[in-house]
C-alpha cells in the first residue's frame, strides 16, 4: 500500500501543472519573506513610532460592524494602544488591557497574549510563527503596497493576518486579523510618525491610580 501511495505522489509531482503550481507558491512564499525582512529592517532603524489608525470589527455571528479611531506608541517591544475607551499596553514583559468604560484591567504575561498586535510584534521572528505568502501588489492611498497573508503555523484564537506593506517605506498600511469564528478585525493605518516624543510611564499601568478598579490577574 505504501508503495502505491508513493507512486501516486511521484506521478502527481511529475505532472506539469502540479510542478508549476508548487514552484509558483514557493516563489510567492520566498517573495513574502524577502519583503517582510526588508520591512522589519526598515522599522528597526526607528527608535519609536506613533501610529494613528481606524479600527473596524466585522463579527459574522452577530452581524455586527463597528469602527473607531485610535493611536499607538511603539518602542522596541513596548507599546501603548488606545482604541475608543480601551487601552492596551505592555512594558515588554507584562501586558495590561484596561477597559475604561467598566473600570476593569486584565493583567497577563505578554508572551501569552495573542490579542494585541503591532507592526513590530508582527514582524519580529515572523518565520517562527507564520507561513507568509505574497498575494498581489496594489495601490492603497496612492502608494504601491504588497498584500501578504501571514498564516499561523499553530493557530490559537486567530487563523491569519493579512497585511499591506508600503513598498517605499516598509510601513504597514493595514493589518487585518481573521479569527477562527469567521470574524475580521482591521487596523487601517492613517499616518505613521517616526521617533515621536513619548509620554513618560505610558508603557506601564498602575491600578492604584484608578479608585475602585477591578483587577483580573491572568498570570
N, C-alpha and C. Protein backbone atom coordinates (compact mmCIF):
# COMPACT_ATOMS: atom_id res chain seq x y z
N UNK A 1 0.82 -1.20 0.00
CA UNK A 1 0.00 0.00 0.00
C UNK A 1 0.87 1.26 0.00
N UNK A 2 1.92 1.26 0.85
CA UNK A 2 2.83 2.40 0.92
C UNK A 2 3.49 2.62 -0.44
N UNK A 3 3.81 1.52 -1.12
CA UNK A 3 4.44 1.61 -2.44
C UNK A 3 3.51 2.31 -3.42
N UNK A 4 2.21 1.94 -3.39
CA UNK A 4 1.24 2.53 -4.30
C UNK A 4 1.06 4.03 -4.02
N UNK A 5 1.02 4.39 -2.73
CA UNK A 5 0.88 5.79 -2.38
C UNK A 5 2.08 6.60 -2.85
N UNK A 6 3.27 6.03 -2.68
CA UNK A 6 4.48 6.71 -3.12
C UNK A 6 4.46 6.93 -4.62
N UNK A 7 4.06 5.90 -5.37
CA UNK A 7 3.98 6.02 -6.83
C UNK A 7 2.99 7.10 -7.22
N UNK A 8 1.85 7.18 -6.50
CA UNK A 8 0.83 8.17 -6.80
C UNK A 8 1.39 9.59 -6.66
N UNK A 9 2.10 9.85 -5.57
CA UNK A 9 2.64 11.18 -5.35
C UNK A 9 3.75 11.50 -6.34
N UNK A 10 4.50 10.50 -6.72
CA UNK A 10 5.53 10.72 -7.73
C UNK A 10 4.91 11.10 -9.07
N UNK A 11 3.81 10.44 -9.41
CA UNK A 11 3.13 10.75 -10.66
C UNK A 11 2.59 12.17 -10.63
N UNK A 12 1.98 12.56 -9.48
CA UNK A 12 1.46 13.92 -9.34
C UNK A 12 2.57 14.95 -9.48
N UNK A 13 3.71 14.66 -8.86
CA UNK A 13 4.82 15.61 -8.87
C UNK A 13 5.37 15.79 -10.27
N UNK A 14 5.23 14.76 -11.11
CA UNK A 14 5.75 14.83 -12.47
C UNK A 14 4.79 15.52 -13.43
N UNK A 15 3.56 15.77 -13.02
CA UNK A 15 2.61 16.45 -13.87
C UNK A 15 3.02 17.91 -14.01
N UNK A 16 3.04 18.49 -15.22
CA UNK A 16 3.47 19.87 -15.43
C UNK A 16 2.67 20.86 -14.60
N UNK A 17 1.34 20.71 -14.52
CA UNK A 17 0.50 21.64 -13.77
C UNK A 17 0.83 21.63 -12.30
N UNK A 18 1.04 20.44 -11.75
CA UNK A 18 1.35 20.31 -10.32
C UNK A 18 2.69 20.97 -10.02
N UNK A 19 3.68 20.69 -10.84
CA UNK A 19 5.01 21.26 -10.62
C UNK A 19 4.98 22.77 -10.74
N UNK A 20 4.23 23.28 -11.72
CA UNK A 20 4.16 24.73 -11.92
C UNK A 20 3.50 25.41 -10.73
N UNK A 21 2.40 24.83 -10.22
CA UNK A 21 1.70 25.40 -9.08
C UNK A 21 2.60 25.39 -7.84
N UNK A 22 3.34 24.29 -7.64
CA UNK A 22 4.25 24.19 -6.50
C UNK A 22 5.34 25.25 -6.59
N UNK A 23 5.92 25.41 -7.79
CA UNK A 23 7.00 26.38 -7.98
C UNK A 23 6.51 27.81 -7.79
N UNK A 24 5.27 28.10 -8.26
CA UNK A 24 4.72 29.43 -8.10
C UNK A 24 4.50 29.75 -6.61
N UNK A 25 3.94 28.79 -5.88
CA UNK A 25 3.70 29.03 -4.46
C UNK A 25 5.01 29.23 -3.72
N UNK A 26 6.01 28.41 -4.04
CA UNK A 26 7.31 28.55 -3.41
C UNK A 26 7.90 29.93 -3.70
N UNK A 27 7.72 30.39 -4.93
CA UNK A 27 8.22 31.72 -5.31
C UNK A 27 7.53 32.81 -4.50
N UNK A 28 6.20 32.71 -4.34
CA UNK A 28 5.45 33.73 -3.61
C UNK A 28 5.75 33.68 -2.11
N UNK A 29 6.07 32.51 -1.59
CA UNK A 29 6.48 32.41 -0.19
C UNK A 29 7.82 33.11 0.02
N UNK A 30 8.76 32.86 -0.87
CA UNK A 30 10.08 33.49 -0.77
C UNK A 30 9.98 35.00 -0.95
N UNK A 31 9.10 35.43 -1.87
CA UNK A 31 8.93 36.86 -2.10
C UNK A 31 8.36 37.53 -0.85
N UNK A 32 7.40 36.89 -0.21
CA UNK A 32 6.83 37.44 1.02
C UNK A 32 7.88 37.57 2.11
N UNK A 33 8.70 36.54 2.27
CA UNK A 33 9.75 36.56 3.30
C UNK A 33 10.73 37.69 3.03
N UNK A 34 11.12 37.90 1.78
CA UNK A 34 12.06 38.98 1.44
C UNK A 34 11.46 40.34 1.76
N UNK A 35 10.19 40.55 1.40
CA UNK A 35 9.53 41.83 1.66
C UNK A 35 9.40 42.08 3.15
N UNK A 36 9.02 41.05 3.91
CA UNK A 36 8.84 41.21 5.36
C UNK A 36 10.16 41.45 6.06
N UNK A 37 11.22 40.78 5.62
CA UNK A 37 12.54 41.02 6.20
C UNK A 37 12.97 42.46 5.97
N UNK A 38 12.73 42.97 4.76
CA UNK A 38 13.11 44.35 4.43
C UNK A 38 12.27 45.33 5.25
N UNK A 39 10.96 45.05 5.39
CA UNK A 39 10.10 45.93 6.19
C UNK A 39 10.54 45.95 7.64
N UNK A 40 10.87 44.78 8.19
CA UNK A 40 11.33 44.70 9.58
C UNK A 40 12.62 45.50 9.78
N UNK A 41 13.54 45.36 8.84
CA UNK A 41 14.81 46.08 8.95
C UNK A 41 14.60 47.59 8.90
N UNK A 42 13.67 48.04 8.05
CA UNK A 42 13.38 49.48 7.97
C UNK A 42 12.74 49.98 9.26
N UNK A 43 11.81 49.21 9.81
CA UNK A 43 11.16 49.61 11.06
C UNK A 43 12.17 49.71 12.20
N UNK A 44 13.13 48.79 12.22
CA UNK A 44 14.09 48.74 13.31
C UNK A 44 15.10 49.89 13.26
N UNK A 45 15.12 50.65 12.16
CA UNK A 45 16.00 51.82 12.11
C UNK A 45 15.42 53.00 12.90
N UNK A 46 14.14 52.89 13.28
CA UNK A 46 13.48 53.95 14.04
C UNK A 46 13.38 53.55 15.51
N UNK A 47 13.72 54.49 16.38
CA UNK A 47 13.70 54.21 17.81
C UNK A 47 12.28 53.99 18.32
N UNK A 48 11.33 54.76 17.77
CA UNK A 48 9.94 54.67 18.22
C UNK A 48 9.01 55.12 17.10
N UNK A 49 7.73 54.75 17.23
CA UNK A 49 6.72 55.09 16.24
C UNK A 49 5.46 55.57 16.94
N UNK A 50 4.78 56.54 16.30
CA UNK A 50 3.42 56.92 16.67
C UNK A 50 2.54 56.63 15.47
N UNK A 51 1.59 55.74 15.66
CA UNK A 51 0.74 55.29 14.55
C UNK A 51 -0.71 55.64 14.85
N UNK A 52 -1.33 56.37 13.93
CA UNK A 52 -2.76 56.66 14.03
C UNK A 52 -3.51 55.70 13.13
N UNK A 53 -4.66 55.23 13.58
CA UNK A 53 -5.38 54.22 12.82
C UNK A 53 -6.89 54.32 13.04
N UNK A 54 -7.61 53.66 12.15
CA UNK A 54 -9.03 53.43 12.33
C UNK A 54 -9.22 51.93 12.51
N UNK A 55 -9.84 51.55 13.60
CA UNK A 55 -10.08 50.13 13.89
C UNK A 55 -11.51 49.77 13.51
N UNK A 56 -11.66 48.66 12.80
CA UNK A 56 -13.00 48.19 12.44
C UNK A 56 -13.11 46.71 12.77
N UNK A 57 -14.31 46.31 13.19
CA UNK A 57 -14.58 44.91 13.53
C UNK A 57 -15.82 44.46 12.79
N UNK A 58 -15.71 43.32 12.13
CA UNK A 58 -16.85 42.71 11.45
C UNK A 58 -17.05 41.33 12.06
N UNK A 59 -18.09 41.19 12.88
CA UNK A 59 -18.36 39.93 13.57
C UNK A 59 -19.49 39.19 12.86
N UNK A 60 -19.14 38.05 12.28
CA UNK A 60 -20.05 37.32 11.41
C UNK A 60 -21.28 36.79 12.15
N UNK A 61 -21.07 36.20 13.32
CA UNK A 61 -22.17 35.52 14.03
C UNK A 61 -23.25 36.50 14.46
N UNK A 62 -22.82 37.67 14.98
CA UNK A 62 -23.79 38.64 15.49
C UNK A 62 -24.15 39.70 14.45
N UNK A 63 -23.56 39.62 13.26
CA UNK A 63 -23.80 40.58 12.19
C UNK A 63 -23.56 42.00 12.69
N UNK A 64 -22.38 42.19 13.32
CA UNK A 64 -22.02 43.48 13.91
C UNK A 64 -20.85 44.09 13.14
N UNK A 65 -21.00 45.36 12.80
CA UNK A 65 -19.91 46.12 12.21
C UNK A 65 -19.71 47.37 13.05
N UNK A 66 -18.49 47.59 13.52
CA UNK A 66 -18.22 48.78 14.31
C UNK A 66 -16.88 49.36 13.91
N UNK A 67 -16.70 50.66 14.16
CA UNK A 67 -15.49 51.35 13.74
C UNK A 67 -15.15 52.42 14.76
N UNK A 68 -13.86 52.60 15.04
CA UNK A 68 -13.42 53.64 15.97
C UNK A 68 -11.99 54.03 15.64
N UNK A 69 -11.64 55.26 15.97
CA UNK A 69 -10.29 55.76 15.75
C UNK A 69 -9.42 55.47 16.96
N UNK A 70 -8.12 55.42 16.71
CA UNK A 70 -7.20 55.18 17.80
C UNK A 70 -5.77 55.53 17.41
N UNK A 71 -4.86 55.27 18.35
CA UNK A 71 -3.43 55.52 18.08
C UNK A 71 -2.61 54.56 18.92
N UNK A 72 -1.36 54.40 18.53
CA UNK A 72 -0.45 53.56 19.30
C UNK A 72 0.95 54.15 19.30
N UNK A 73 1.61 54.03 20.45
CA UNK A 73 3.04 54.29 20.56
C UNK A 73 3.75 52.95 20.60
N UNK A 74 4.83 52.82 19.85
CA UNK A 74 5.61 51.59 19.83
C UNK A 74 7.07 51.94 20.02
N UNK A 75 7.72 51.29 20.97
CA UNK A 75 9.16 51.48 21.21
C UNK A 75 9.76 50.13 21.58
N UNK A 76 10.63 49.61 20.73
CA UNK A 76 11.21 48.28 20.92
C UNK A 76 10.06 47.27 21.10
N UNK A 77 10.04 46.53 22.21
CA UNK A 77 8.95 45.57 22.41
C UNK A 77 7.88 46.11 23.34
N UNK A 78 7.88 47.42 23.55
CA UNK A 78 6.87 48.07 24.38
C UNK A 78 5.82 48.73 23.48
N UNK A 79 4.59 48.84 24.00
CA UNK A 79 3.56 49.51 23.22
C UNK A 79 2.47 50.06 24.14
N UNK A 80 1.79 51.07 23.62
CA UNK A 80 0.57 51.59 24.24
C UNK A 80 -0.43 51.84 23.10
N UNK A 81 -1.61 51.27 23.21
CA UNK A 81 -2.64 51.40 22.19
C UNK A 81 -3.92 51.90 22.85
N UNK A 82 -4.52 52.92 22.27
CA UNK A 82 -5.83 53.40 22.73
C UNK A 82 -6.79 53.34 21.56
N UNK A 83 -7.88 52.62 21.75
CA UNK A 83 -8.92 52.48 20.72
C UNK A 83 -10.26 52.67 21.41
N UNK A 84 -10.92 53.79 21.14
CA UNK A 84 -12.13 54.10 21.86
C UNK A 84 -11.81 54.30 23.33
N UNK A 85 -12.50 53.57 24.21
CA UNK A 85 -12.22 53.66 25.66
C UNK A 85 -11.39 52.47 26.14
N UNK A 86 -10.81 51.73 25.21
CA UNK A 86 -10.00 50.57 25.57
C UNK A 86 -8.52 50.91 25.45
N UNK A 87 -7.74 50.45 26.42
CA UNK A 87 -6.30 50.71 26.45
C UNK A 87 -5.57 49.37 26.51
N UNK A 88 -4.56 49.21 25.64
CA UNK A 88 -3.73 48.01 25.62
C UNK A 88 -2.28 48.46 25.72
N UNK A 89 -1.56 47.93 26.71
CA UNK A 89 -0.19 48.39 26.88
C UNK A 89 0.70 47.29 27.43
N UNK A 90 1.99 47.47 27.20
CA UNK A 90 2.96 46.48 27.69
C UNK A 90 4.31 47.13 27.87
N UNK A 91 5.02 46.67 28.91
CA UNK A 91 6.39 47.13 29.16
C UNK A 91 7.41 46.16 28.58
N UNK A 92 6.91 45.21 27.77
CA UNK A 92 7.79 44.22 27.18
C UNK A 92 7.76 42.89 27.91
N UNK A 93 7.23 42.90 29.12
CA UNK A 93 7.10 41.67 29.92
C UNK A 93 5.65 41.40 30.28
N UNK A 94 5.02 42.37 30.93
CA UNK A 94 3.60 42.26 31.29
C UNK A 94 2.74 42.97 30.25
N UNK A 95 1.50 42.53 30.12
CA UNK A 95 0.53 43.18 29.24
C UNK A 95 -0.72 43.52 30.05
N UNK A 96 -1.23 44.74 29.86
CA UNK A 96 -2.44 45.19 30.54
C UNK A 96 -3.50 45.53 29.51
N UNK A 97 -4.72 45.13 29.77
CA UNK A 97 -5.88 45.56 28.98
C UNK A 97 -6.81 46.29 29.94
N UNK A 98 -6.90 47.61 29.75
CA UNK A 98 -7.73 48.43 30.65
C UNK A 98 -9.01 48.81 29.92
N UNK A 99 -10.15 48.37 30.46
CA UNK A 99 -11.46 48.68 29.91
C UNK A 99 -12.03 49.86 30.71
N UNK A 100 -11.84 51.03 30.16
CA UNK A 100 -12.17 52.26 30.87
C UNK A 100 -13.66 52.35 31.19
N UNK A 101 -14.51 51.86 30.29
CA UNK A 101 -15.96 52.00 30.47
C UNK A 101 -16.48 51.24 31.68
N UNK A 102 -15.78 50.17 32.08
CA UNK A 102 -16.23 49.39 33.24
C UNK A 102 -15.19 49.42 34.37
N UNK A 103 -14.13 50.20 34.18
CA UNK A 103 -13.06 50.34 35.18
C UNK A 103 -12.52 48.97 35.59
N UNK A 104 -12.03 48.25 34.60
CA UNK A 104 -11.51 46.89 34.83
C UNK A 104 -10.21 46.72 34.05
N UNK A 105 -9.24 46.06 34.65
CA UNK A 105 -7.97 45.80 33.98
C UNK A 105 -7.63 44.32 34.05
N UNK A 106 -7.18 43.77 32.93
CA UNK A 106 -6.71 42.40 32.86
C UNK A 106 -5.19 42.43 32.72
N UNK A 107 -4.52 41.61 33.53
CA UNK A 107 -3.05 41.57 33.52
C UNK A 107 -2.61 40.17 33.10
N UNK A 108 -1.68 40.11 32.15
CA UNK A 108 -1.17 38.82 31.69
C UNK A 108 0.29 38.97 31.31
N UNK A 109 0.95 37.86 31.06
CA UNK A 109 2.30 37.91 30.51
C UNK A 109 2.20 38.21 29.02
N UNK A 110 3.06 39.08 28.53
CA UNK A 110 2.99 39.48 27.12
C UNK A 110 3.11 38.27 26.20
N UNK A 111 3.96 37.32 26.56
CA UNK A 111 4.18 36.16 25.69
C UNK A 111 2.94 35.30 25.56
N UNK A 112 1.99 35.45 26.49
CA UNK A 112 0.75 34.67 26.43
C UNK A 112 -0.38 35.41 25.74
N UNK A 113 -0.11 36.64 25.32
CA UNK A 113 -1.16 37.46 24.74
C UNK A 113 -1.14 37.34 23.23
N UNK A 114 -2.30 36.95 22.63
CA UNK A 114 -2.42 36.83 21.18
C UNK A 114 -3.36 37.89 20.62
N UNK A 115 -3.95 38.68 21.51
CA UNK A 115 -5.00 39.59 21.07
C UNK A 115 -4.48 40.95 20.65
N UNK A 116 -3.25 41.30 21.00
CA UNK A 116 -2.70 42.61 20.67
C UNK A 116 -1.55 42.43 19.68
N UNK A 117 -1.58 43.23 18.63
CA UNK A 117 -0.54 43.12 17.61
C UNK A 117 -0.11 44.52 17.22
N UNK A 118 1.19 44.71 17.03
CA UNK A 118 1.74 45.95 16.49
C UNK A 118 2.63 45.57 15.31
N UNK A 119 2.99 46.55 14.48
CA UNK A 119 3.89 46.21 13.36
C UNK A 119 5.16 45.50 13.80
N UNK A 120 5.73 45.92 14.92
CA UNK A 120 6.98 45.30 15.37
C UNK A 120 6.77 43.89 15.91
N UNK A 121 5.72 43.70 16.73
CA UNK A 121 5.50 42.36 17.26
C UNK A 121 5.10 41.39 16.16
N UNK A 122 4.45 41.90 15.11
CA UNK A 122 4.03 41.05 14.00
C UNK A 122 5.24 40.57 13.19
N UNK A 123 6.20 41.46 12.98
CA UNK A 123 7.33 41.14 12.10
C UNK A 123 8.52 40.52 12.82
N UNK A 124 8.58 40.66 14.13
CA UNK A 124 9.72 40.10 14.87
C UNK A 124 9.64 38.57 14.87
N UNK A 125 10.68 37.93 14.37
CA UNK A 125 10.74 36.46 14.32
C UNK A 125 9.50 35.85 13.63
N UNK A 126 9.02 36.51 12.57
CA UNK A 126 7.77 36.08 11.95
C UNK A 126 7.84 34.68 11.35
N UNK A 127 9.01 34.24 10.90
CA UNK A 127 9.10 32.92 10.28
C UNK A 127 8.91 31.79 11.29
N UNK A 128 9.05 32.10 12.60
CA UNK A 128 8.84 31.09 13.63
C UNK A 128 7.35 30.91 13.95
N UNK A 129 6.54 31.90 13.57
CA UNK A 129 5.12 31.90 13.94
C UNK A 129 4.19 31.71 12.74
N UNK A 130 4.63 32.23 11.57
CA UNK A 130 3.74 32.27 10.42
C UNK A 130 4.35 31.60 9.18
N UNK A 131 3.45 31.21 8.28
CA UNK A 131 3.80 30.86 6.91
C UNK A 131 3.36 32.03 6.03
N UNK A 132 4.28 32.90 5.62
CA UNK A 132 3.89 34.07 4.83
C UNK A 132 3.71 33.70 3.35
N UNK A 133 2.79 34.40 2.69
CA UNK A 133 2.52 34.17 1.27
C UNK A 133 2.18 35.50 0.62
N UNK A 134 2.96 35.89 -0.42
CA UNK A 134 2.68 37.10 -1.19
C UNK A 134 1.43 36.87 -2.03
N UNK A 135 0.48 37.80 -1.98
CA UNK A 135 -0.79 37.65 -2.69
C UNK A 135 -0.81 38.49 -3.98
N UNK A 136 -0.52 39.79 -3.85
CA UNK A 136 -0.54 40.66 -5.02
C UNK A 136 0.07 42.02 -4.65
N UNK A 137 0.24 42.85 -5.66
CA UNK A 137 0.65 44.23 -5.49
C UNK A 137 -0.49 45.13 -5.94
N UNK A 138 -0.80 46.16 -5.14
CA UNK A 138 -1.90 47.05 -5.49
C UNK A 138 -1.61 48.44 -4.96
N UNK A 139 -2.55 49.36 -5.18
CA UNK A 139 -2.41 50.73 -4.70
C UNK A 139 -3.32 50.95 -3.50
N UNK A 140 -2.77 51.59 -2.47
CA UNK A 140 -3.52 51.91 -1.26
C UNK A 140 -3.17 53.33 -0.86
N UNK A 141 -4.15 54.24 -0.91
CA UNK A 141 -3.91 55.66 -0.61
C UNK A 141 -2.78 56.22 -1.47
N UNK A 142 -2.85 55.89 -2.77
CA UNK A 142 -1.88 56.38 -3.77
C UNK A 142 -0.45 55.88 -3.53
N UNK A 143 -0.31 54.79 -2.78
CA UNK A 143 1.00 54.19 -2.55
C UNK A 143 0.97 52.74 -3.01
N UNK A 144 2.09 52.29 -3.62
CA UNK A 144 2.20 50.89 -4.00
C UNK A 144 2.42 50.05 -2.75
N UNK A 145 1.60 49.01 -2.59
CA UNK A 145 1.71 48.15 -1.42
C UNK A 145 1.71 46.69 -1.85
N UNK A 146 2.36 45.87 -1.04
CA UNK A 146 2.35 44.42 -1.23
C UNK A 146 1.36 43.82 -0.23
N UNK A 147 0.45 42.99 -0.74
CA UNK A 147 -0.51 42.31 0.10
C UNK A 147 0.04 40.93 0.44
N UNK A 148 0.16 40.65 1.73
CA UNK A 148 0.78 39.40 2.20
C UNK A 148 -0.11 38.75 3.24
N UNK A 149 -0.33 37.46 3.09
CA UNK A 149 -1.02 36.67 4.11
C UNK A 149 0.00 36.05 5.05
N UNK A 150 -0.24 36.17 6.35
CA UNK A 150 0.62 35.56 7.36
C UNK A 150 -0.23 34.56 8.13
N UNK A 151 -0.10 33.29 7.76
CA UNK A 151 -0.94 32.23 8.31
C UNK A 151 -0.22 31.59 9.49
N UNK A 152 -0.92 31.49 10.62
CA UNK A 152 -0.31 30.89 11.81
C UNK A 152 0.07 29.43 11.55
N UNK A 153 1.27 29.08 11.94
CA UNK A 153 1.70 27.68 11.86
C UNK A 153 0.88 26.84 12.83
N UNK A 154 0.64 27.38 14.03
CA UNK A 154 -0.20 26.72 15.04
C UNK A 154 -1.25 27.72 15.52
N UNK A 155 -2.38 27.81 14.83
CA UNK A 155 -3.40 28.80 15.20
C UNK A 155 -4.02 28.54 16.56
N UNK A 156 -4.24 29.63 17.31
CA UNK A 156 -4.92 29.57 18.60
C UNK A 156 -6.27 30.28 18.46
N UNK A 157 -6.28 31.58 18.69
CA UNK A 157 -7.51 32.34 18.51
C UNK A 157 -7.68 32.82 17.08
N UNK A 158 -6.55 33.11 16.42
CA UNK A 158 -6.59 33.66 15.07
C UNK A 158 -6.00 32.68 14.06
N UNK A 159 -6.56 32.75 12.85
CA UNK A 159 -6.08 31.89 11.77
C UNK A 159 -4.95 32.53 11.00
N UNK A 160 -5.13 33.83 10.69
CA UNK A 160 -4.10 34.51 9.90
C UNK A 160 -4.25 36.02 10.03
N UNK A 161 -3.21 36.72 9.56
CA UNK A 161 -3.25 38.16 9.36
C UNK A 161 -3.04 38.43 7.87
N UNK A 162 -3.73 39.42 7.34
CA UNK A 162 -3.44 39.93 6.00
C UNK A 162 -2.95 41.35 6.18
N UNK A 163 -1.78 41.65 5.63
CA UNK A 163 -1.19 42.97 5.81
C UNK A 163 -0.86 43.59 4.45
N UNK A 164 -0.82 44.92 4.45
CA UNK A 164 -0.39 45.68 3.28
C UNK A 164 0.89 46.40 3.65
N UNK A 165 1.98 46.10 2.95
CA UNK A 165 3.29 46.68 3.24
C UNK A 165 3.60 47.72 2.18
N UNK A 166 3.80 48.97 2.61
CA UNK A 166 4.13 50.05 1.69
C UNK A 166 5.52 49.80 1.09
N UNK A 167 5.58 49.80 -0.23
CA UNK A 167 6.82 49.42 -0.91
C UNK A 167 7.96 50.38 -0.61
N UNK A 168 7.69 51.68 -0.56
CA UNK A 168 8.76 52.67 -0.44
C UNK A 168 9.32 52.78 0.98
N UNK A 169 8.47 52.60 2.00
CA UNK A 169 8.90 52.85 3.38
C UNK A 169 8.99 51.58 4.24
N UNK A 170 8.28 50.52 3.85
CA UNK A 170 8.19 49.33 4.69
C UNK A 170 7.15 49.45 5.78
N UNK A 171 6.47 50.62 5.86
CA UNK A 171 5.40 50.79 6.84
C UNK A 171 4.19 49.95 6.44
N UNK A 172 3.41 49.56 7.44
CA UNK A 172 2.19 48.82 7.17
C UNK A 172 1.04 49.80 6.97
N UNK A 173 0.22 49.54 5.93
CA UNK A 173 -0.94 50.39 5.65
C UNK A 173 -2.19 49.84 6.33
N UNK A 174 -2.27 48.54 6.46
CA UNK A 174 -3.35 47.96 7.26
C UNK A 174 -2.95 46.57 7.74
N UNK A 175 -3.60 46.15 8.81
CA UNK A 175 -3.45 44.81 9.37
C UNK A 175 -4.86 44.26 9.59
N UNK A 176 -5.20 43.16 8.94
CA UNK A 176 -6.48 42.50 9.15
C UNK A 176 -6.26 41.16 9.83
N UNK A 177 -6.96 40.95 10.94
CA UNK A 177 -6.86 39.69 11.68
C UNK A 177 -8.12 38.87 11.47
N UNK A 178 -7.97 37.60 11.13
CA UNK A 178 -9.09 36.70 10.88
C UNK A 178 -9.09 35.63 11.96
N UNK A 179 -10.16 35.61 12.78
CA UNK A 179 -10.19 34.61 13.84
C UNK A 179 -10.86 33.33 13.35
N UNK A 180 -10.90 32.34 14.22
CA UNK A 180 -11.40 31.01 13.83
C UNK A 180 -12.92 30.94 13.77
N UNK A 181 -13.59 32.02 14.19
CA UNK A 181 -15.06 32.05 14.14
C UNK A 181 -15.59 32.84 12.95
N UNK A 182 -14.67 33.26 12.07
CA UNK A 182 -15.09 33.99 10.88
C UNK A 182 -15.18 35.49 11.05
N UNK A 183 -14.70 36.02 12.17
CA UNK A 183 -14.71 37.46 12.41
C UNK A 183 -13.42 38.10 11.88
N UNK A 184 -13.52 39.37 11.49
CA UNK A 184 -12.37 40.09 10.95
C UNK A 184 -12.19 41.40 11.70
N UNK A 185 -10.94 41.67 12.10
CA UNK A 185 -10.61 42.90 12.82
C UNK A 185 -9.48 43.59 12.06
N UNK A 186 -9.69 44.87 11.72
CA UNK A 186 -8.74 45.56 10.85
C UNK A 186 -8.27 46.87 11.46
N UNK A 187 -6.95 47.07 11.44
CA UNK A 187 -6.34 48.36 11.73
C UNK A 187 -5.94 48.99 10.41
N UNK A 188 -6.64 50.04 10.00
CA UNK A 188 -6.26 50.78 8.79
C UNK A 188 -5.43 51.98 9.23
N UNK A 189 -4.16 51.95 8.90
CA UNK A 189 -3.21 52.95 9.41
C UNK A 189 -3.30 54.21 8.58
N UNK A 190 -3.62 55.33 9.23
CA UNK A 190 -3.80 56.60 8.53
C UNK A 190 -2.53 57.44 8.50
N UNK A 191 -1.66 57.27 9.49
CA UNK A 191 -0.39 58.00 9.49
C UNK A 191 0.60 57.32 10.41
N UNK A 192 1.89 57.49 10.09
CA UNK A 192 2.98 56.94 10.91
C UNK A 192 4.02 58.02 11.12
N UNK A 193 4.31 58.33 12.38
CA UNK A 193 5.33 59.32 12.72
C UNK A 193 6.51 58.60 13.36
N UNK A 194 7.71 58.91 12.89
CA UNK A 194 8.89 58.24 13.42
C UNK A 194 9.51 59.08 14.54
N UNK A 195 10.02 58.37 15.54
CA UNK A 195 10.72 58.97 16.68
C UNK A 195 9.94 60.11 17.34
N UNK A 196 8.70 59.87 17.73
CA UNK A 196 7.91 60.91 18.40
C UNK A 196 8.34 61.05 19.86
N UNK A 197 7.90 62.13 20.48
CA UNK A 197 8.10 62.29 21.92
C UNK A 197 7.07 61.41 22.63
N UNK A 198 7.55 60.53 23.51
CA UNK A 198 6.68 59.55 24.17
C UNK A 198 6.41 59.99 25.61
N UNK A 199 5.16 60.07 26.01
CA UNK A 199 4.84 60.45 27.40
C UNK A 199 5.47 59.49 28.39
N UNK A 200 5.98 60.04 29.48
CA UNK A 200 6.67 59.23 30.49
C UNK A 200 5.70 58.25 31.15
N UNK A 201 6.15 57.00 31.31
CA UNK A 201 5.38 55.99 32.01
C UNK A 201 4.20 55.42 31.25
N UNK A 202 4.13 55.69 29.96
CA UNK A 202 2.95 55.28 29.20
C UNK A 202 2.89 53.77 28.96
N UNK A 203 4.00 53.07 29.12
CA UNK A 203 4.03 51.63 28.83
C UNK A 203 3.74 50.76 30.05
N UNK A 204 3.39 51.38 31.17
CA UNK A 204 3.02 50.60 32.36
C UNK A 204 1.68 51.10 32.89
N UNK A 205 1.02 50.24 33.66
CA UNK A 205 -0.30 50.59 34.20
C UNK A 205 -0.29 50.43 35.71
N UNK A 206 -0.75 51.47 36.39
CA UNK A 206 -0.80 51.46 37.85
C UNK A 206 -2.26 51.44 38.31
N UNK A 207 -2.76 50.28 38.76
CA UNK A 207 -4.16 50.20 39.21
C UNK A 207 -4.47 51.17 40.34
N UNK A 208 -3.47 51.54 41.13
CA UNK A 208 -3.68 52.43 42.25
C UNK A 208 -4.17 53.82 41.84
N UNK A 209 -3.96 54.18 40.58
CA UNK A 209 -4.41 55.49 40.09
C UNK A 209 -5.86 55.47 39.63
N UNK A 210 -6.52 54.31 39.78
CA UNK A 210 -7.91 54.18 39.33
C UNK A 210 -8.74 53.62 40.48
N UNK A 211 -9.28 54.48 41.33
CA UNK A 211 -10.06 54.04 42.51
C UNK A 211 -11.21 53.12 42.11
N UNK A 212 -11.37 52.04 42.87
CA UNK A 212 -12.49 51.12 42.63
C UNK A 212 -12.29 50.16 41.47
N UNK A 213 -11.10 50.15 40.87
CA UNK A 213 -10.87 49.32 39.70
C UNK A 213 -10.93 47.84 40.06
N UNK A 214 -11.45 47.03 39.15
CA UNK A 214 -11.44 45.57 39.31
C UNK A 214 -10.22 45.02 38.56
N UNK A 215 -9.38 44.27 39.25
CA UNK A 215 -8.18 43.71 38.66
C UNK A 215 -8.37 42.22 38.42
N UNK A 216 -8.18 41.81 37.17
CA UNK A 216 -8.25 40.40 36.80
C UNK A 216 -6.84 39.96 36.44
N UNK A 217 -6.20 39.20 37.32
CA UNK A 217 -4.81 38.80 37.13
C UNK A 217 -4.78 37.42 36.47
N UNK A 218 -4.30 37.36 35.23
CA UNK A 218 -4.28 36.11 34.45
C UNK A 218 -2.89 35.52 34.37
N UNK A 219 -1.96 36.00 35.16
CA UNK A 219 -0.59 35.48 35.10
C UNK A 219 -0.52 34.07 35.72
